[in-house]
Amino acid sequence: MVEIRLYGKLRRLGPDPRGDRETVVHLELPPGETVGGALARLGIPPEEIAHIFLNGRLLTTCNSMAPWLRYQQVREDVPTCEPNLDHPLHDGDRLGIFGRDMAMLVV
């Protein structure tokens, strides 16, 4: 199972869109599941995503300041605004998905 926390306008896609400041979704993982597969199952279009954190580490961001903010990153190369949808997920992973309306949140 993977835990997905939705922030900003993406909360509307969770089970309780009128909840607190975040919405938590738990998904069972089929074999070979990827970040893109999980997002598709939730109905989240990639163009609505500003940042993706995987287990507290930056996977993707649209913030050009990311290299200077020194976030722990999933990959060595600088994450780009193109979501890394092919990245595999594993049982127990946590995803934080921030919508475009929260693009400056991580600064």
PDB file of N, CA and C in Angstrom:
ATOM      1  N   MET A   1       0.845  -1.176   0.000  1.00  0.00           N
ATOM      2  CA  MET A   1       0.000   0.000   0.000  1.00  0.00           C
ATOM      3  C   MET A   1       0.891   1.240   0.000  1.00  0.00           C
ATOM      4  N   VAL A   2       0.464   2.272  -0.699  1.00  0.00           N
ATOM      5  CA  VAL A   2       1.169   3.550  -0.745  1.00  0.00           C
ATOM      6  C   VAL A   2       0.243   4.618  -0.169  1.00  0.00           C
ATOM      7  N   GLU A   3       0.852   5.566   0.540  1.00  0.00           N
ATOM      8  CA  GLU A   3       0.103   6.684   1.107  1.00  0.00           C
ATOM      9  C   GLU A   3       0.348   7.896   0.236  1.00  0.00           C
ATOM     10  N   ILE A   4      -0.722   8.539  -0.202  1.00  0.00           N
ATOM     11  CA  ILE A   4      -0.609   9.717  -1.066  1.00  0.00           C
ATOM     12  C   ILE A   4      -1.299  10.882  -0.373  1.00  0.00           C
ATOM     13  N   ARG A   5      -0.547  11.945  -0.178  1.00  0.00           N
ATOM     14  CA  ARG A   5      -1.096  13.162   0.425  1.00  0.00           C
ATOM     15  C   ARG A   5      -1.256  14.198  -0.677  1.00  0.00           C
ATOM     16  N   LEU A   6      -2.460  14.701  -0.794  1.00  0.00           N
ATOM     17  CA  LEU A   6      -2.794  15.682  -1.825  1.00  0.00           C
ATOM     18  C   LEU A   6      -2.910  17.059  -1.187  1.00  0.00           C
ATOM     19  N   TYR A   7      -2.304  18.051  -1.826  1.00  0.00           N
ATOM     20  CA  TYR A   7      -2.303  19.410  -1.292  1.00  0.00           C
ATOM     21  C   TYR A   7      -2.871  20.380  -2.320  1.00  0.00           C
ATOM     22  N   GLY A   8      -3.391  21.485  -1.814  1.00  0.00           N
ATOM     23  CA  GLY A   8      -3.935  22.521  -2.685  1.00  0.00           C
ATOM     24  C   GLY A   8      -5.211  22.048  -3.365  1.00  0.00           C
ATOM     25  N   LYS A   9      -5.408  22.499  -4.579  1.00  0.00           N
ATOM     26  CA  LYS A   9      -6.626  22.154  -5.318  1.00  0.00           C
ATOM     27  C   LYS A   9      -6.727  20.669  -5.636  1.00  0.00           C
ATOM     28  N   LEU A  10      -5.629  19.930  -5.516  1.00  0.00           N
ATOM     29  CA  LEU A  10      -5.682  18.489  -5.775  1.00  0.00           C
ATOM     30  C   LEU A  10      -6.481  17.746  -4.704  1.00  0.00           C
ATOM     31  N   ARG A  11      -6.726  18.390  -3.566  1.00  0.00           N
ATOM     32  CA  ARG A  11      -7.532  17.749  -2.513  1.00  0.00           C
ATOM     33  C   ARG A  11      -8.915  17.354  -3.014  1.00  0.00           C
ATOM     34  N   ARG A  12      -9.399  18.079  -3.998  1.00  0.00           N
ATOM     35  CA  ARG A  12     -10.747  17.779  -4.520  1.00  0.00           C
ATOM     36  C   ARG A  12     -10.829  16.367  -5.095  1.00  0.00           C
ATOM     37  N   LEU A  13      -9.678  15.777  -5.410  1.00  0.00           N
ATOM     38  CA  LEU A  13      -9.648  14.449  -6.004  1.00  0.00           C
ATOM     39  C   LEU A  13      -9.570  13.338  -4.961  1.00  0.00           C
ATOM     40  N   GLY A  14      -9.470  13.715  -3.693  1.00  0.00           N
ATOM     41  CA  GLY A  14      -9.395  12.735  -2.617  1.00  0.00           C
ATOM     42  C   GLY A  14     -10.767  12.339  -2.115  1.00  0.00           C
ATOM     43  N   PRO A  15     -10.796  11.460  -1.113  1.00  0.00           N
ATOM     44  CA  PRO A  15     -12.073  10.957  -0.603  1.00  0.00           C
ATOM     45  C   PRO A  15     -12.889  12.006   0.141  1.00  0.00           C
ATOM     46  N   ASP A  16     -12.236  13.031   0.730  1.00  0.00           N
ATOM     47  CA  ASP A  16     -12.952  14.071   1.476  1.00  0.00           C
ATOM     48  C   ASP A  16     -12.402  15.433   1.091  1.00  0.00           C
ATOM     49  N   PRO A  17     -12.848  15.983  -0.043  1.00  0.00           N
ATOM     50  CA  PRO A  17     -12.278  17.224  -0.543  1.00  0.00           C
ATOM     51  C   PRO A  17     -12.519  18.428   0.352  1.00  0.00           C
ATOM     52  N   ARG A  18     -13.385  18.290   1.367  1.00  0.00           N
ATOM     53  CA  ARG A  18     -13.631  19.403   2.284  1.00  0.00           C
ATOM     54  C   ARG A  18     -12.909  19.196   3.608  1.00  0.00           C
ATOM     55  N   GLY A  19     -11.942  18.276   3.617  1.00  0.00           N
ATOM     56  CA  GLY A  19     -11.201  17.966   4.830  1.00  0.00           C
ATOM     57  C   GLY A  19     -10.255  19.086   5.220  1.00  0.00           C
ATOM     58  N   ASP A  20      -9.292  18.747   6.059  1.00  0.00           N
ATOM     59  CA  ASP A  20      -8.331  19.732   6.545  1.00  0.00           C
ATOM     60  C   ASP A  20      -7.442  20.220   5.409  1.00  0.00           C
ATOM     61  N   ARG A  21      -6.259  20.682   5.733  1.00  0.00           N
ATOM     62  CA  ARG A  21      -5.352  21.263   4.754  1.00  0.00           C
ATOM     63  C   ARG A  21      -4.742  20.226   3.826  1.00  0.00           C
ATOM     64  N   GLU A  22      -4.904  18.971   4.119  1.00  0.00           N
ATOM     65  CA  GLU A  22      -4.373  17.920   3.256  1.00  0.00           C
ATOM     66  C   GLU A  22      -5.382  16.791   3.189  1.00  0.00           C
ATOM     67  N   THR A  23      -5.271  16.012   2.181  1.00  0.00           N
ATOM     68  CA  THR A  23      -6.127  14.851   2.002  1.00  0.00           C
ATOM     69  C   THR A  23      -5.214  13.651   1.819  1.00  0.00           C
ATOM     70  N   VAL A  24      -5.494  12.592   2.563  1.00  0.00           N
ATOM     71  CA  VAL A  24      -4.673  11.387   2.497  1.00  0.00           C
ATOM     72  C   VAL A  24      -5.454  10.277   1.808  1.00  0.00           C
ATOM     73  N   VAL A  25      -4.812   9.639   0.841  1.00  0.00           N
ATOM     74  CA  VAL A  25      -5.398   8.522   0.108  1.00  0.00           C
ATOM     75  C   VAL A  25      -4.460   7.331   0.266  1.00  0.00           C
ATOM     76  N   HIS A  26      -5.015   6.159   0.491  1.00  0.00           N
ATOM     77  CA  HIS A  26      -4.215   4.936   0.549  1.00  0.00           C
ATOM     78  C   HIS A  26      -4.593   4.073  -0.643  1.00  0.00           C
ATOM     79  N   LEU A  27      -3.590   3.653  -1.413  1.00  0.00           N
ATOM     80  CA  LEU A  27      -3.821   2.817  -2.596  1.00  0.00           C
ATOM     81  C   LEU A  27      -3.079   1.498  -2.451  1.00  0.00           C
ATOM     82  N   GLU A  28      -3.757   0.427  -2.774  1.00  0.00           N
ATOM     83  CA  GLU A  28      -3.084  -0.865  -2.889  1.00  0.00           C
ATOM     84  C   GLU A  28      -2.240  -0.830  -4.157  1.00  0.00           C
ATOM     85  N   LEU A  29      -1.068  -1.427  -4.105  1.00  0.00           N
ATOM     86  CA  LEU A  29      -0.164  -1.397  -5.242  1.00  0.00           C
ATOM     87  C   LEU A  29      -0.229  -2.682  -6.052  1.00  0.00           C
ATOM     88  N   PRO A  30      -0.592  -2.573  -7.316  1.00  0.00           N
ATOM     89  CA  PRO A  30      -0.445  -3.743  -8.177  1.00  0.00           C
ATOM     90  C   PRO A  30       1.041  -3.924  -8.508  1.00  0.00           C
ATOM     91  N   PRO A  31       1.457  -5.094  -8.903  1.00  0.00           N
ATOM     92  CA  PRO A  31       2.866  -5.303  -9.265  1.00  0.00           C
ATOM     93  C   PRO A  31       3.310  -4.329 -10.351  1.00  0.00           C
ATOM     94  N   GLY A  32       4.486  -3.737 -10.163  1.00  0.00           N
ATOM     95  CA  GLY A  32       5.040  -2.829 -11.165  1.00  0.00           C
ATOM     96  C   GLY A  32       4.434  -1.440 -11.179  1.00  0.00           C
ATOM     97  N   GLU A  33       3.696  -1.068 -10.157  1.00  0.00           N
ATOM     98  CA  GLU A  33       3.061   0.257 -10.126  1.00  0.00           C
ATOM     99  C   GLU A  33       4.113   1.362 -10.162  1.00  0.00           C
ATOM    100  N   THR A  34       3.784   2.444 -10.859  1.00  0.00           N
ATOM    101  CA  THR A  34       4.657   3.613 -10.966  1.00  0.00           C
ATOM    102  C   THR A  34       3.923   4.830 -10.416  1.00  0.00           C
ATOM    103  N   VAL A  35       4.661   5.923 -10.271  1.00  0.00           N
ATOM    104  CA  VAL A  35       4.045   7.177  -9.840  1.00  0.00           C
ATOM    105  C   VAL A  35       2.929   7.554 -10.812  1.00  0.00           C
ATOM    106  N   GLY A  36       3.193   7.447 -12.110  1.00  0.00           N
ATOM    107  CA  GLY A  36       2.186   7.782 -13.116  1.00  0.00           C
ATOM    108  C   GLY A  36       0.950   6.910 -13.025  1.00  0.00           C
ATOM    109  N   GLY A  37       1.137   5.623 -12.752  1.00  0.00           N
ATOM    110  CA  GLY A  37      -0.003   4.723 -12.604  1.00  0.00           C
ATOM    111  C   GLY A  37      -0.868   5.106 -11.424  1.00  0.00           C
ATOM    112  N   ALA A  38      -0.233   5.444 -10.317  1.00  0.00           N
ATOM    113  CA  ALA A  38      -0.987   5.849  -9.129  1.00  0.00           C
ATOM    114  C   ALA A  38      -1.746   7.154  -9.387  1.00  0.00           C
ATOM    115  N   LEU A  39      -1.087   8.114 -10.049  1.00  0.00           N
ATOM    116  CA  LEU A  39      -1.753   9.383 -10.353  1.00  0.00           C
ATOM    117  C   LEU A  39      -2.928   9.171 -11.296  1.00  0.00           C
ATOM    118  N   ALA A  40      -2.758   8.304 -12.283  1.00  0.00           N
ATOM    119  CA  ALA A  40      -3.845   8.015 -13.220  1.00  0.00           C
ATOM    120  C   ALA A  40      -5.025   7.391 -12.501  1.00  0.00           C
ATOM    121  N   ARG A  41      -4.743   6.495 -11.560  1.00  0.00           N
ATOM    122  CA  ARG A  41      -5.829   5.862 -10.801  1.00  0.00           C
ATOM    123  C   ARG A  41      -6.603   6.879  -9.973  1.00  0.00           C
ATOM    124  N   LEU A  42      -5.937   7.955  -9.554  1.00  0.00           N
ATOM    125  CA  LEU A  42      -6.605   9.014  -8.791  1.00  0.00           C
ATOM    126  C   LEU A  42      -7.220  10.078  -9.693  1.00  0.00           C
ATOM    127  N   GLY A  43      -6.951  10.002 -10.985  1.00  0.00           N
ATOM    128  CA  GLY A  43      -7.494  10.991 -11.920  1.00  0.00           C
ATOM    129  C   GLY A  43      -6.769  12.321 -11.872  1.00  0.00           C
ATOM    130  N   ILE A  44      -5.473  12.295 -11.535  1.00  0.00           N
ATOM    131  CA  ILE A  44      -4.692  13.532 -11.450  1.00  0.00           C
ATOM    132  C   ILE A  44      -3.924  13.734 -12.750  1.00  0.00           C
ATOM    133  N   PRO A  45      -4.272  14.754 -13.531  1.00  0.00           N
ATOM    134  CA  PRO A  45      -3.537  15.032 -14.767  1.00  0.00           C
ATOM    135  C   PRO A  45      -2.147  15.582 -14.441  1.00  0.00           C
ATOM    136  N   PRO A  46      -1.112  15.106 -15.116  1.00  0.00           N
ATOM    137  CA  PRO A  46       0.255  15.581 -14.853  1.00  0.00           C
ATOM    138  C   PRO A  46       0.409  17.094 -14.965  1.00  0.00           C
ATOM    139  N   GLU A  47      -0.356  17.729 -15.827  1.00  0.00           N
ATOM    140  CA  GLU A  47      -0.223  19.175 -16.005  1.00  0.00           C
ATOM    141  C   GLU A  47      -0.719  19.972 -14.792  1.00  0.00           C
ATOM    142  N   GLU A  48      -1.389  19.330 -13.845  1.00  0.00           N
ATOM    143  CA  GLU A  48      -1.839  20.011 -12.627  1.00  0.00           C
ATOM    144  C   GLU A  48      -0.836  19.911 -11.491  1.00  0.00           C
ATOM    145  N   ILE A  49       0.286  19.228 -11.707  1.00  0.00           N
ATOM    146  CA  ILE A  49       1.251  18.966 -10.641  1.00  0.00           C
ATOM    147  C   ILE A  49       2.398  19.962 -10.686  1.00  0.00           C
ATOM    148  N   ALA A  50       2.725  20.524  -9.514  1.00  0.00           N
ATOM    149  CA  ALA A  50       3.878  21.418  -9.396  1.00  0.00           C
ATOM    150  C   ALA A  50       5.053  20.704  -8.738  1.00  0.00           C
ATOM    151  N   HIS A  51       4.783  19.860  -7.731  1.00  0.00           N
ATOM    152  CA  HIS A  51       5.850  19.187  -6.993  1.00  0.00           C
ATOM    153  C   HIS A  51       5.392  17.779  -6.606  1.00  0.00           C
ATOM    154  N   ILE A  52       6.338  16.852  -6.641  1.00  0.00           N
ATOM    155  CA  ILE A  52       6.100  15.510  -6.128  1.00  0.00           C
ATOM    156  C   ILE A  52       7.241  15.173  -5.182  1.00  0.00           C
ATOM    157  N   PHE A  53       6.887  14.784  -3.970  1.00  0.00           N
ATOM    158  CA  PHE A  53       7.861  14.291  -2.999  1.00  0.00           C
ATOM    159  C   PHE A  53       7.610  12.803  -2.809  1.00  0.00           C
ATOM    160  N   LEU A  54       8.668  12.022  -2.786  1.00  0.00           N
ATOM    161  CA  LEU A  54       8.595  10.574  -2.548  1.00  0.00           C
ATOM    162  C   LEU A  54       9.383  10.278  -1.285  1.00  0.00           C
ATOM    163  N   ASN A  55       8.680   9.811  -0.266  1.00  0.00           N
ATOM    164  CA  ASN A  55       9.304   9.505   1.025  1.00  0.00           C
ATOM    165  C   ASN A  55      10.100  10.701   1.559  1.00  0.00           C
ATOM    166  N   GLY A  56       9.532  11.902   1.407  1.00  0.00           N
ATOM    167  CA  GLY A  56      10.145  13.114   1.926  1.00  0.00           C
ATOM    168  C   GLY A  56      11.269  13.687   1.079  1.00  0.00           C
ATOM    169  N   ARG A  57      11.522  13.092  -0.065  1.00  0.00           N
ATOM    170  CA  ARG A  57      12.585  13.568  -0.960  1.00  0.00           C
ATOM    171  C   ARG A  57      11.974  14.061  -2.261  1.00  0.00           C
ATOM    172  N   LEU A  58      12.529  15.119  -2.809  1.00  0.00           N
ATOM    173  CA  LEU A  58      11.994  15.747  -4.013  1.00  0.00           C
ATOM    174  C   LEU A  58      12.185  14.852  -5.233  1.00  0.00           C
ATOM    175  N   LEU A  59      11.093  14.543  -5.906  1.00  0.00           N
ATOM    176  CA  LEU A  59      11.140  13.745  -7.135  1.00  0.00           C
ATOM    177  C   LEU A  59      11.001  14.644  -8.359  1.00  0.00           C
ATOM    178  N   THR A  60      10.091  15.615  -8.288  1.00  0.00           N
ATOM    179  CA  THR A  60       9.791  16.504  -9.411  1.00  0.00           C
ATOM    180  C   THR A  60       9.383  17.865  -8.870  1.00  0.00           C
ATOM    181  N   THR A  61       9.816  18.929  -9.539  1.00  0.00           N
ATOM    182  CA  THR A  61       9.374  20.269  -9.158  1.00  0.00           C
ATOM    183  C   THR A  61       9.363  21.186 -10.370  1.00  0.00           C
ATOM    184  N   CYS A  62       8.466  22.143 -10.340  1.00  0.00           N
ATOM    185  CA  CYS A  62       8.423  23.183 -11.368  1.00  0.00           C
ATOM    186  C   CYS A  62       9.142  24.438 -10.892  1.00  0.00           C
ATOM    187  N   ASN A  63       9.743  24.379  -9.713  1.00  0.00           N
ATOM    188  CA  ASN A  63      10.422  25.530  -9.147  1.00  0.00           C
ATOM    189  C   ASN A  63      11.866  25.556  -9.630  1.00  0.00           C
ATOM    190  N   SER A  64      12.226  26.581 -10.358  1.00  0.00           N
ATOM    191  CA  SER A  64      13.581  26.680 -10.903  1.00  0.00           C
ATOM    192  C   SER A  64      14.628  26.927  -9.822  1.00  0.00           C
ATOM    193  N   MET A  65      14.201  27.237  -8.606  1.00  0.00           N
ATOM    194  CA  MET A  65      15.131  27.465  -7.504  1.00  0.00           C
ATOM    195  C   MET A  65      15.547  26.162  -6.819  1.00  0.00           C
ATOM    196  N   ALA A  66      14.993  25.042  -7.215  1.00  0.00           N
ATOM    197  CA  ALA A  66      15.251  23.760  -6.548  1.00  0.00           C
ATOM    198  C   ALA A  66      16.737  23.444  -6.356  1.00  0.00           C
ATOM    199  N   PRO A  67      17.601  23.679  -7.347  1.00  0.00           N
ATOM    200  CA  PRO A  67      19.022  23.341  -7.140  1.00  0.00           C
ATOM    201  C   PRO A  67      19.663  24.124  -5.994  1.00  0.00           C
ATOM    202  N   TRP A  68      19.186  25.308  -5.721  1.00  0.00           N
ATOM    203  CA  TRP A  68      19.772  26.145  -4.689  1.00  0.00           C
ATOM    204  C   TRP A  68      19.100  25.954  -3.327  1.00  0.00           C
ATOM    205  N   LEU A  69      17.969  25.302  -3.292  1.00  0.00           N
ATOM    206  CA  LEU A  69      17.263  25.087  -2.027  1.00  0.00           C
ATOM    207  C   LEU A  69      17.765  23.855  -1.281  1.00  0.00           C
ATOM    208  N   ARG A  70      18.536  23.041  -1.963  1.00  0.00           N
ATOM    209  CA  ARG A  70      19.202  21.881  -1.377  1.00  0.00           C
ATOM    210  C   ARG A  70      18.264  20.876  -0.722  1.00  0.00           C
ATOM    211  N   TYR A  71      17.150  20.642  -1.366  1.00  0.00           N
ATOM    212  CA  TYR A  71      16.272  19.567  -0.917  1.00  0.00           C
ATOM    213  C   TYR A  71      16.951  18.233  -1.141  1.00  0.00           C
ATOM    214  N   GLN A  72      16.696  17.277  -0.287  1.00  0.00           N
ATOM    215  CA  GLN A  72      17.110  15.919  -0.591  1.00  0.00           C
ATOM    216  C   GLN A  72      16.299  15.487  -1.793  1.00  0.00           C
ATOM    217  N   GLN A  73      16.961  14.888  -2.766  1.00  0.00           N
ATOM    218  CA  GLN A  73      16.301  14.520  -4.010  1.00  0.00           C
ATOM    219  C   GLN A  73      16.315  13.012  -4.192  1.00  0.00           C
ATOM    220  N   VAL A  74      15.317  12.535  -4.909  1.00  0.00           N
ATOM    221  CA  VAL A  74      15.242  11.119  -5.249  1.00  0.00           C
ATOM    222  C   VAL A  74      16.306  10.783  -6.276  1.00  0.00           C
ATOM    223  N   ARG A  75      16.510  11.686  -7.249  1.00  0.00           N
ATOM    224  CA  ARG A  75      17.478  11.471  -8.319  1.00  0.00           C
ATOM    225  C   ARG A  75      18.625  12.455  -8.166  1.00  0.00           C
ATOM    226  N   GLU A  76      19.756  12.127  -8.752  1.00  0.00           N
ATOM    227  CA  GLU A  76      20.901  13.032  -8.706  1.00  0.00           C
ATOM    228  C   GLU A  76      20.711  14.243  -9.603  1.00  0.00           C
ATOM    229  N   ASP A  77      20.084  14.028 -10.768  1.00  0.00           N
ATOM    230  CA  ASP A  77      19.882  15.158 -11.669  1.00  0.00           C
ATOM    231  C   ASP A  77      18.798  16.072 -11.103  1.00  0.00           C
ATOM    232  N   VAL A  78      18.801  17.310 -11.531  1.00  0.00           N
ATOM    233  CA  VAL A  78      17.838  18.284 -11.039  1.00  0.00           C
ATOM    234  C   VAL A  78      16.446  17.915 -11.531  1.00  0.00           C
ATOM    235  N   PRO A  79      15.491  17.776 -10.602  1.00  0.00           N
ATOM    236  CA  PRO A  79      14.122  17.475 -11.042  1.00  0.00           C
ATOM    237  C   PRO A  79      13.585  18.590 -11.925  1.00  0.00           C
ATOM    238  N   THR A  80      12.772  18.219 -12.866  1.00  0.00           N
ATOM    239  CA  THR A  80      12.195  19.207 -13.777  1.00  0.00           C
ATOM    240  C   THR A  80      10.688  19.224 -13.628  1.00  0.00           C
ATOM    241  N   CYS A  81      10.082  20.128 -14.341  1.00  0.00           N
ATOM    242  CA  CYS A  81       8.636  20.266 -14.291  1.00  0.00           C
ATOM    243  C   CYS A  81       7.917  19.099 -14.972  1.00  0.00           C
ATOM    244  N   GLU A  82       8.662  18.302 -15.715  1.00  0.00           N
ATOM    245  CA  GLU A  82       8.070  17.106 -16.304  1.00  0.00           C
ATOM    246  C   GLU A  82       8.046  16.025 -15.232  1.00  0.00           C
ATOM    247  N   PRO A  83       6.861  15.642 -14.755  1.00  0.00           N
ATOM    248  CA  PRO A  83       6.810  14.644 -13.689  1.00  0.00           C
ATOM    249  C   PRO A  83       7.505  13.346 -14.090  1.00  0.00           C
ATOM    250  N   ASN A  84       8.234  12.764 -13.169  1.00  0.00           N
ATOM    251  CA  ASN A  84       8.927  11.505 -13.384  1.00  0.00           C
ATOM    252  C   ASN A  84       7.924  10.372 -13.159  1.00  0.00           C
ATOM    253  N   LEU A  85       7.033  10.198 -14.107  1.00  0.00           N
ATOM    254  CA  LEU A  85       5.916   9.269 -13.951  1.00  0.00           C
ATOM    255  C   LEU A  85       6.329   7.808 -14.016  1.00  0.00           C
ATOM    256  N   ASP A  86       7.504   7.509 -14.547  1.00  0.00           N
ATOM    257  CA  ASP A  86       7.948   6.123 -14.661  1.00  0.00           C
ATOM    258  C   ASP A  86       8.635   5.612 -13.404  1.00  0.00           C
ATOM    259  N   HIS A  87       8.790   6.451 -12.416  1.00  0.00           N
ATOM    260  CA  HIS A  87       9.490   6.037 -11.198  1.00  0.00           C
ATOM    261  C   HIS A  87       8.666   4.967 -10.477  1.00  0.00           C
ATOM    262  N   PRO A  88       9.284   3.847 -10.112  1.00  0.00           N
ATOM    263  CA  PRO A  88       8.532   2.764  -9.467  1.00  0.00           C
ATOM    264  C   PRO A  88       8.140   3.098  -8.030  1.00  0.00           C
ATOM    265  N   LEU A  89       7.022   2.546  -7.624  1.00  0.00           N
ATOM    266  CA  LEU A  89       6.561   2.662  -6.242  1.00  0.00           C
ATOM    267  C   LEU A  89       6.700   1.313  -5.559  1.00  0.00           C
ATOM    268  N   HIS A  90       6.893   1.371  -4.244  1.00  0.00           N
ATOM    269  CA  HIS A  90       7.039   0.156  -3.452  1.00  0.00           C
ATOM    270  C   HIS A  90       6.113   0.228  -2.252  1.00  0.00           C
ATOM    271  N   ASP A  91       5.766  -0.923  -1.748  1.00  0.00           N
ATOM    272  CA  ASP A  91       4.895  -0.998  -0.588  1.00  0.00           C
ATOM    273  C   ASP A  91       5.473  -0.145   0.544  1.00  0.00           C
ATOM    274  N   GLY A  92       4.641   0.712   1.132  1.00  0.00           N
ATOM    275  CA  GLY A  92       5.063   1.576   2.225  1.00  0.00           C
ATOM    276  C   GLY A  92       5.535   2.949   1.801  1.00  0.00           C
ATOM    277  N   ASP A  93       5.643   3.209   0.486  1.00  0.00           N
ATOM    278  CA  ASP A  93       6.062   4.524   0.009  1.00  0.00           C
ATOM    279  C   ASP A  93       5.024   5.578   0.368  1.00  0.00           C
ATOM    280  N   ARG A  94       5.507   6.815   0.498  1.00  0.00           N
ATOM    281  CA  ARG A  94       4.641   7.972   0.739  1.00  0.00           C
ATOM    282  C   ARG A  94       4.883   8.990  -0.366  1.00  0.00           C
ATOM    283  N   LEU A  95       3.816   9.445  -0.977  1.00  0.00           N
ATOM    284  CA  LEU A  95       3.889  10.495  -2.004  1.00  0.00           C
ATOM    285  C   LEU A  95       3.226  11.757  -1.480  1.00  0.00           C
ATOM    286  N   GLY A  96       3.854  12.890  -1.708  1.00  0.00           N
ATOM    287  CA  GLY A  96       3.245  14.195  -1.462  1.00  0.00           C
ATOM    288  C   GLY A  96       3.087  14.867  -2.809  1.00  0.00           C
ATOM    289  N   ILE A  97       1.856  15.171  -3.175  1.00  0.00           N
ATOM    290  CA  ILE A  97       1.565  15.748  -4.493  1.00  0.00           C
ATOM    291  C   ILE A  97       1.015  17.163  -4.284  1.00  0.00           C
ATOM    292  N   PHE A  98       1.722  18.150  -4.819  1.00  0.00           N
ATOM    293  CA  PHE A  98       1.323  19.546  -4.692  1.00  0.00           C
ATOM    294  C   PHE A  98       0.852  20.058  -6.044  1.00  0.00           C
ATOM    295  N   GLY A  99      -0.319  20.688  -6.062  1.00  0.00           N
ATOM    296  CA  GLY A  99      -0.886  21.235  -7.289  1.00  0.00           C
ATOM    297  C   GLY A  99      -0.217  22.515  -7.714  1.00  0.00           C
ATOM    298  N   ARG A 100      -0.493  22.935  -8.930  1.00  0.00           N
ATOM    299  CA  ARG A 100       0.097  24.163  -9.490  1.00  0.00           C
ATOM    300  C   ARG A 100      -0.264  25.402  -8.665  1.00  0.00           C
ATOM    301  N   ASP A 101      -1.370  25.342  -7.928  1.00  0.00           N
ATOM    302  CA  ASP A 101      -1.747  26.487  -7.102  1.00  0.00           C
ATOM    303  C   ASP A 101      -0.831  26.624  -5.880  1.00  0.00           C
ATOM    304  N   MET A 102       0.039  25.653  -5.661  1.00  0.00           N
ATOM    305  CA  MET A 102       0.956  25.684  -4.525  1.00  0.00           C
ATOM    306  C   MET A 102       2.411  25.652  -5.003  1.00  0.00           C
ATOM    307  N   ALA A 103       2.667  26.187  -6.166  1.00  0.00           N
ATOM    308  CA  ALA A 103       3.993  26.105  -6.778  1.00  0.00           C
ATOM    309  C   ALA A 103       5.082  26.771  -5.937  1.00  0.00           C
ATOM    310  N   MET A 104       4.776  27.809  -5.200  1.00  0.00           N
ATOM    311  CA  MET A 104       5.789  28.500  -4.406  1.00  0.00           C
ATOM    312  C   MET A 104       5.909  27.957  -2.991  1.00  0.00           C
ATOM    313  N   LEU A 105       5.116  26.985  -2.637  1.00  0.00           N
ATOM    314  CA  LEU A 105       5.091  26.468  -1.271  1.00  0.00           C
ATOM    315  C   LEU A 105       6.442  25.951  -0.815  1.00  0.00           C
ATOM    316  N   VAL A 106       7.187  25.328  -1.680  1.00  0.00           N
ATOM    317  CA  VAL A 106       8.441  24.710  -1.261  1.00  0.00           C
ATOM    318  C   VAL A 106       9.618  25.674  -1.243  1.00  0.00           C
ATOM    319  N   VAL A 107       9.401  26.938  -1.538  1.00  0.00           N
ATOM    320  CA  VAL A 107      10.499  27.917  -1.524  1.00  0.00           C
ATOM    321  C   VAL A 107      10.774  28.348  -0.100  1.00  0.00           C
TER     322      VAL A 107
END
